[in-house]
Every structure is written in C-alpha cells, then in structure tokens.
All heavy atoms as atom14 arrays in JSON, in Angstrom:
{
  "sequence": "DAIAKRPEDMTITMHICRGNFRSTWVSS",
  "atom14_mask": [
    [1, 1, 1, 1, 1, 1, 1, 1, 0, 0, 0, 0, 0, 0],
    [1, 1, 1, 1, 1, 0, 0, 0, 0, 0, 0, 0, 0, 0],
    [1, 1, 1, 1, 1, 1, 1, 1, 0, 0, 0, 0, 0, 0],
    [1, 1, 1, 1, 1, 0, 0, 0, 0, 0, 0, 0, 0, 0],
    [1, 1, 1, 1, 1, 1, 1, 1, 1, 0, 0, 0, 0, 0],
    [1, 1, 1, 1, 1, 1, 1, 1, 1, 1, 1, 0, 0, 0],
    [1, 1, 1, 1, 1, 1, 1, 0, 0, 0, 0, 0, 0, 0],
    [1, 1, 1, 1, 1, 1, 1, 1, 1, 0, 0, 0, 0, 0],
    [1, 1, 1, 1, 1, 1, 1, 1, 0, 0, 0, 0, 0, 0],
    [1, 1, 1, 1, 1, 1, 1, 1, 0, 0, 0, 0, 0, 0],
    [1, 1, 1, 1, 1, 1, 1, 0, 0, 0, 0, 0, 0, 0],
    [1, 1, 1, 1, 1, 1, 1, 1, 0, 0, 0, 0, 0, 0],
    [1, 1, 1, 1, 1, 1, 1, 0, 0, 0, 0, 0, 0, 0],
    [1, 1, 1, 1, 1, 1, 1, 1, 0, 0, 0, 0, 0, 0],
    [1, 1, 1, 1, 1, 1, 1, 1, 1, 1, 0, 0, 0, 0],
    [1, 1, 1, 1, 1, 1, 1, 1, 0, 0, 0, 0, 0, 0],
    [1, 1, 1, 1, 1, 1, 0, 0, 0, 0, 0, 0, 0, 0],
    [1, 1, 1, 1, 1, 1, 1, 1, 1, 1, 1, 0, 0, 0],
    [1, 1, 1, 1, 0, 0, 0, 0, 0, 0, 0, 0, 0, 0],
    [1, 1, 1, 1, 1, 1, 1, 1, 0, 0, 0, 0, 0, 0],
    [1, 1, 1, 1, 1, 1, 1, 1, 1, 1, 1, 0, 0, 0],
    [1, 1, 1, 1, 1, 1, 1, 1, 1, 1, 1, 0, 0, 0],
    [1, 1, 1, 1, 1, 1, 0, 0, 0, 0, 0, 0, 0, 0],
    [1, 1, 1, 1, 1, 1, 1, 0, 0, 0, 0, 0, 0, 0],
    [1, 1, 1, 1, 1, 1, 1, 1, 1, 1, 1, 1, 1, 1],
    [1, 1, 1, 1, 1, 1, 1, 0, 0, 0, 0, 0, 0, 0],
    [1, 1, 1, 1, 1, 1, 0, 0, 0, 0, 0, 0, 0, 0],
    [1, 1, 1, 1, 1, 1, 0, 0, 0, 0, 0, 0, 0, 0]
  ],
  "atom14_positions": [
    [[0.84, -1.2, 0.0], [0.0, 0.0, 0.0], [0.87, 1.26, 0.0], [0.55, 2.24, -0.65], [-0.92, 0.01, 1.22], [-2.05, -1.02, 1.11], [-2.23, -1.59, 0.03], [-2.74, -1.24, 2.13], [0.0, 0.0, 0.0], [0.0, 0.0, 0.0], [0.0, 0.0, 0.0], [0.0, 0.0, 0.0], [0.0, 0.0, 0.0], [0.0, 0.0, 0.0]],
    [[1.97, 1.21, 0.75], [2.85, 2.38, 0.86], [3.47, 2.74, -0.5], [3.65, 3.92, -0.81], [3.94, 2.12, 1.87], [0.0, 0.0, 0.0], [0.0, 0.0, 0.0], [0.0, 0.0, 0.0], [0.0, 0.0, 0.0], [0.0, 0.0, 0.0], [0.0, 0.0, 0.0], [0.0, 0.0, 0.0], [0.0, 0.0, 0.0], [0.0, 0.0, 0.0]],
    [[3.81, 1.74, -1.32], [4.49, 1.99, -2.58], [3.55, 1.96, -3.77], [3.98, 2.11, -4.92], [5.63, 0.97, -2.8], [5.07, -0.44, -3.01], [6.6, 1.01, -1.63], [6.15, -1.47, -3.34], [0.0, 0.0, 0.0], [0.0, 0.0, 0.0], [0.0, 0.0, 0.0], [0.0, 0.0, 0.0], [0.0, 0.0, 0.0], [0.0, 0.0, 0.0]],
    [[2.26, 1.81, -3.53], [1.28, 1.61, -4.62], [1.25, 2.75, -5.63], [0.98, 2.52, -6.81], [-0.1, 1.41, -4.02], [0.0, 0.0, 0.0], [0.0, 0.0, 0.0], [0.0, 0.0, 0.0], [0.0, 0.0, 0.0], [0.0, 0.0, 0.0], [0.0, 0.0, 0.0], [0.0, 0.0, 0.0], [0.0, 0.0, 0.0], [0.0, 0.0, 0.0]],
    [[1.53, 3.97, -5.21], [1.46, 5.12, -6.1], [2.81, 5.66, -6.49], [2.92, 6.8, -6.96], [0.6, 6.21, -5.46], [-0.85, 5.78, -5.22], [-1.69, 6.91, -4.65], [-3.15, 6.48, -4.43], [-3.98, 7.57, -3.87], [0.0, 0.0, 0.0], [0.0, 0.0, 0.0], [0.0, 0.0, 0.0], [0.0, 0.0, 0.0], [0.0, 0.0, 0.0]],
    [[3.86, 4.87, -6.33], [5.21, 5.35, -6.66], [5.31, 5.66, -8.15], [4.71, 4.96, -8.99], [6.26, 4.34, -6.25], [6.3, 3.05, -7.08], [7.29, 2.07, -6.46], [7.49, 0.87, -7.23], [6.76, -0.23, -7.13], [5.68, -0.22, -6.35], [7.05, -1.32, -7.82], [0.0, 0.0, 0.0], [0.0, 0.0, 0.0], [0.0, 0.0, 0.0]],
    [[6.07, 6.7, -8.5], [6.27, 7.01, -9.92], [6.95, 5.86, -10.65], [7.73, 5.11, -10.05], [7.18, 8.24, -9.86], [6.9, 8.86, -8.53], [6.67, 7.69, -7.61], [0.0, 0.0, 0.0], [0.0, 0.0, 0.0], [0.0, 0.0, 0.0], [0.0, 0.0, 0.0], [0.0, 0.0, 0.0], [0.0, 0.0, 0.0], [0.0, 0.0, 0.0]],
    [[6.66, 5.71, -11.93], [7.16, 4.58, -12.7], [8.68, 4.54, -12.79], [9.27, 3.44, -12.86], [6.56, 4.6, -14.11], [5.09, 4.23, -14.16], [4.58, 4.11, -15.58], [5.4, 4.18, -16.52], [3.36, 3.97, -15.77], [0.0, 0.0, 0.0], [0.0, 0.0, 0.0], [0.0, 0.0, 0.0], [0.0, 0.0, 0.0], [0.0, 0.0, 0.0]],
    [[9.33, 5.68, -12.77], [10.79, 5.69, -12.92], [11.51, 5.79, -11.57], [12.64, 6.21, -11.5], [11.23, 6.84, -13.83], [10.84, 8.21, -13.31], [9.89, 8.3, -12.49], [11.49, 9.2, -13.7], [0.0, 0.0, 0.0], [0.0, 0.0, 0.0], [0.0, 0.0, 0.0], [0.0, 0.0, 0.0], [0.0, 0.0, 0.0], [0.0, 0.0, 0.0]],
    [[10.83, 5.36, -10.5], [11.44, 5.33, -9.18], [11.62, 3.88, -8.74], [10.67, 3.11, -8.73], [10.58, 6.08, -8.17], [11.21, 6.24, -6.79], [10.08, 7.12, -5.67], [11.24, 7.7, -4.42], [0.0, 0.0, 0.0], [0.0, 0.0, 0.0], [0.0, 0.0, 0.0], [0.0, 0.0, 0.0], [0.0, 0.0, 0.0], [0.0, 0.0, 0.0]],
    [[12.84, 3.51, -8.4], [13.13, 2.17, -7.9], [12.98, 2.16, -6.38], [13.55, 3.0, -5.68], [14.58, 1.76, -8.27], [14.69, 1.68, -9.69], [14.94, 0.42, -7.65], [0.0, 0.0, 0.0], [0.0, 0.0, 0.0], [0.0, 0.0, 0.0], [0.0, 0.0, 0.0], [0.0, 0.0, 0.0], [0.0, 0.0, 0.0], [0.0, 0.0, 0.0]],
    [[12.21, 1.17, -5.89], [12.05, 1.01, -4.45], [12.43, -0.42, -4.08], [11.85, -1.38, -4.59], [10.64, 1.34, -3.98], [10.32, 2.81, -4.26], [10.49, 1.04, -2.48], [8.95, 3.27, -3.75], [0.0, 0.0, 0.0], [0.0, 0.0, 0.0], [0.0, 0.0, 0.0], [0.0, 0.0, 0.0], [0.0, 0.0, 0.0], [0.0, 0.0, 0.0]],
    [[13.39, -0.55, -3.19], [13.83, -1.84, -2.72], [13.54, -1.97, -1.22], [13.18, -1.0, -0.58], [15.34, -2.04, -2.96], [16.07, -1.02, -2.25], [15.68, -1.96, -4.43], [0.0, 0.0, 0.0], [0.0, 0.0, 0.0], [0.0, 0.0, 0.0], [0.0, 0.0, 0.0], [0.0, 0.0, 0.0], [0.0, 0.0, 0.0], [0.0, 0.0, 0.0]],
    [[13.72, -3.18, -0.7], [13.57, -3.4, 0.74], [14.76, -4.18, 1.27], [15.17, -5.18, 0.65], [12.27, -4.14, 1.05], [12.01, -4.3, 2.55], [10.28, -4.63, 2.95], [10.08, -6.26, 2.2], [0.0, 0.0, 0.0], [0.0, 0.0, 0.0], [0.0, 0.0, 0.0], [0.0, 0.0, 0.0], [0.0, 0.0, 0.0], [0.0, 0.0, 0.0]],
    [[15.3, -3.7, 2.36], [16.43, -4.38, 3.01], [15.94, -5.06, 4.29], [15.22, -4.46, 5.09], [17.53, -3.37, 3.36], [18.54, -3.91, 4.32], [18.77, -3.35, 5.56], [19.36, -4.98, 4.23], [19.71, -4.06, 6.17], [20.08, -5.04, 5.4], [0.0, 0.0, 0.0], [0.0, 0.0, 0.0], [0.0, 0.0, 0.0], [0.0, 0.0, 0.0]],
    [[16.32, -6.31, 4.44], [15.88, -7.12, 5.6], [17.13, -7.66, 6.3], [17.97, -8.29, 5.65], [14.98, -8.28, 5.16], [13.72, -7.73, 4.48], [14.61, -9.15, 6.36], [12.92, -8.78, 3.75], [0.0, 0.0, 0.0], [0.0, 0.0, 0.0], [0.0, 0.0, 0.0], [0.0, 0.0, 0.0], [0.0, 0.0, 0.0], [0.0, 0.0, 0.0]],
    [[17.24, -7.4, 7.59], [18.36, -7.99, 8.32], [17.91, -8.37, 9.73], [16.79, -8.06, 10.15], [19.58, -7.07, 8.37], [19.56, -5.84, 9.67], [0.0, 0.0, 0.0], [0.0, 0.0, 0.0], [0.0, 0.0, 0.0], [0.0, 0.0, 0.0], [0.0, 0.0, 0.0], [0.0, 0.0, 0.0], [0.0, 0.0, 0.0], [0.0, 0.0, 0.0]],
    [[18.8, -9.04, 10.43], [18.46, -9.59, 11.77], [19.07, -8.78, 12.9], [19.37, -9.3, 13.97], [18.9, -11.05, 11.81], [18.0, -11.93, 10.95], [18.69, -13.17, 10.43], [17.75, -13.93, 9.59], [17.44, -13.58, 8.33], [18.03, -12.55, 7.78], [16.59, -14.3, 7.64], [0.0, 0.0, 0.0], [0.0, 0.0, 0.0], [0.0, 0.0, 0.0]],
    [[19.24, -7.5, 12.66], [19.78, -6.62, 13.67], [21.27, -6.36, 13.44], [22.02, -7.25, 13.02], [0.0, 0.0, 0.0], [0.0, 0.0, 0.0], [0.0, 0.0, 0.0], [0.0, 0.0, 0.0], [0.0, 0.0, 0.0], [0.0, 0.0, 0.0], [0.0, 0.0, 0.0], [0.0, 0.0, 0.0], [0.0, 0.0, 0.0], [0.0, 0.0, 0.0]],
    [[21.68, -5.11, 13.71], [23.07, -4.75, 13.44], [23.43, -3.55, 14.32], [23.2, -2.41, 13.96], [23.24, -4.39, 11.96], [24.68, -4.15, 11.59], [25.6, -4.72, 12.19], [24.91, -3.32, 10.59], [0.0, 0.0, 0.0], [0.0, 0.0, 0.0], [0.0, 0.0, 0.0], [0.0, 0.0, 0.0], [0.0, 0.0, 0.0], [0.0, 0.0, 0.0]],
    [[23.98, -3.82, 15.49], [24.4, -2.76, 16.4], [25.73, -3.15, 17.02], [25.84, -4.18, 17.67], [23.34, -2.53, 17.51], [23.79, -1.57, 18.57], [23.88, -0.2, 18.28], [24.14, -2.0, 19.84], [24.3, 0.69, 19.27], [24.55, -1.12, 20.83], [24.63, 0.24, 20.53], [0.0, 0.0, 0.0], [0.0, 0.0, 0.0], [0.0, 0.0, 0.0]],
    [[26.75, -2.32, 16.77], [28.11, -2.58, 17.29], [28.54, -4.01, 16.93], [29.13, -4.72, 17.74], [28.16, -2.36, 18.8], [27.81, -0.94, 19.24], [28.76, 0.1, 18.71], [30.1, -0.01, 19.33], [31.22, 0.4, 18.77], [31.19, 0.88, 17.53], [32.37, 0.31, 19.4], [0.0, 0.0, 0.0], [0.0, 0.0, 0.0], [0.0, 0.0, 0.0]],
    [[28.22, -4.43, 15.7], [28.6, -5.73, 15.14], [27.89, -6.91, 15.83], [28.32, -8.05, 15.7], [30.13, -5.93, 15.2], [30.79, -4.99, 14.39], [0.0, 0.0, 0.0], [0.0, 0.0, 0.0], [0.0, 0.0, 0.0], [0.0, 0.0, 0.0], [0.0, 0.0, 0.0], [0.0, 0.0, 0.0], [0.0, 0.0, 0.0], [0.0, 0.0, 0.0]],
    [[26.8, -6.65, 16.55], [26.02, -7.73, 17.15], [24.69, -7.86, 16.42], [24.41, -7.15, 15.46], [25.77, -7.47, 18.65], [24.97, -6.29, 18.81], [27.1, -7.29, 19.39], [0.0, 0.0, 0.0], [0.0, 0.0, 0.0], [0.0, 0.0, 0.0], [0.0, 0.0, 0.0], [0.0, 0.0, 0.0], [0.0, 0.0, 0.0], [0.0, 0.0, 0.0]],
    [[23.85, -8.78, 16.89], [22.61, -9.09, 16.21], [21.5, -9.39, 17.22], [21.76, -9.52, 18.41], [22.79, -10.28, 15.28], [23.47, -11.45, 15.92], [24.82, -11.65, 16.07], [22.83, -12.59, 16.55], [25.06, -12.83, 16.73], [23.86, -13.42, 17.03], [21.52, -12.96, 16.73], [23.6, -14.62, 17.7], [21.25, -14.17, 17.37], [22.28, -14.96, 17.86]],
    [[20.28, -9.49, 16.73], [19.12, -9.74, 17.59], [18.53, -11.12, 17.38], [18.38, -11.91, 18.29], [18.02, -8.67, 17.4], [16.78, -9.02, 18.21], [18.51, -7.3, 17.79], [0.0, 0.0, 0.0], [0.0, 0.0, 0.0], [0.0, 0.0, 0.0], [0.0, 0.0, 0.0], [0.0, 0.0, 0.0], [0.0, 0.0, 0.0], [0.0, 0.0, 0.0]],
    [[18.14, -11.43, 16.14], [17.35, -12.63, 15.88], [18.03, -13.56, 14.87], [18.96, -13.19, 14.16], [15.96, -12.26, 15.35], [16.06, -11.49, 14.19], [0.0, 0.0, 0.0], [0.0, 0.0, 0.0], [0.0, 0.0, 0.0], [0.0, 0.0, 0.0], [0.0, 0.0, 0.0], [0.0, 0.0, 0.0], [0.0, 0.0, 0.0], [0.0, 0.0, 0.0]],
    [[17.55, -14.81, 14.84], [18.04, -15.84, 13.92], [16.86, -16.53, 13.26], [15.75, -16.54, 13.8], [18.87, -16.88, 14.67], [20.02, -16.3, 15.24], [0.0, 0.0, 0.0], [0.0, 0.0, 0.0], [0.0, 0.0, 0.0], [0.0, 0.0, 0.0], [0.0, 0.0, 0.0], [0.0, 0.0, 0.0], [0.0, 0.0, 0.0], [0.0, 0.0, 0.0]]
  ]
}
C-alpha cells in the first residue's frame, strides 16, 4: 500500500536484516 502510487521511474527496494548494532545481532 505504501508503494502503490510510486512514480514509474522510481526504484524502491527493501532491506531485511536480523539486527546490526556494534557488530552484534538480535534474531536468527
């Protein structure tokens, strides 16, 4: 829904990670 009206010449990607703070992590 958030990206539904994005302009045709705009690239939208999504980054997914498991946490990143001071080289540590949260989930597996």
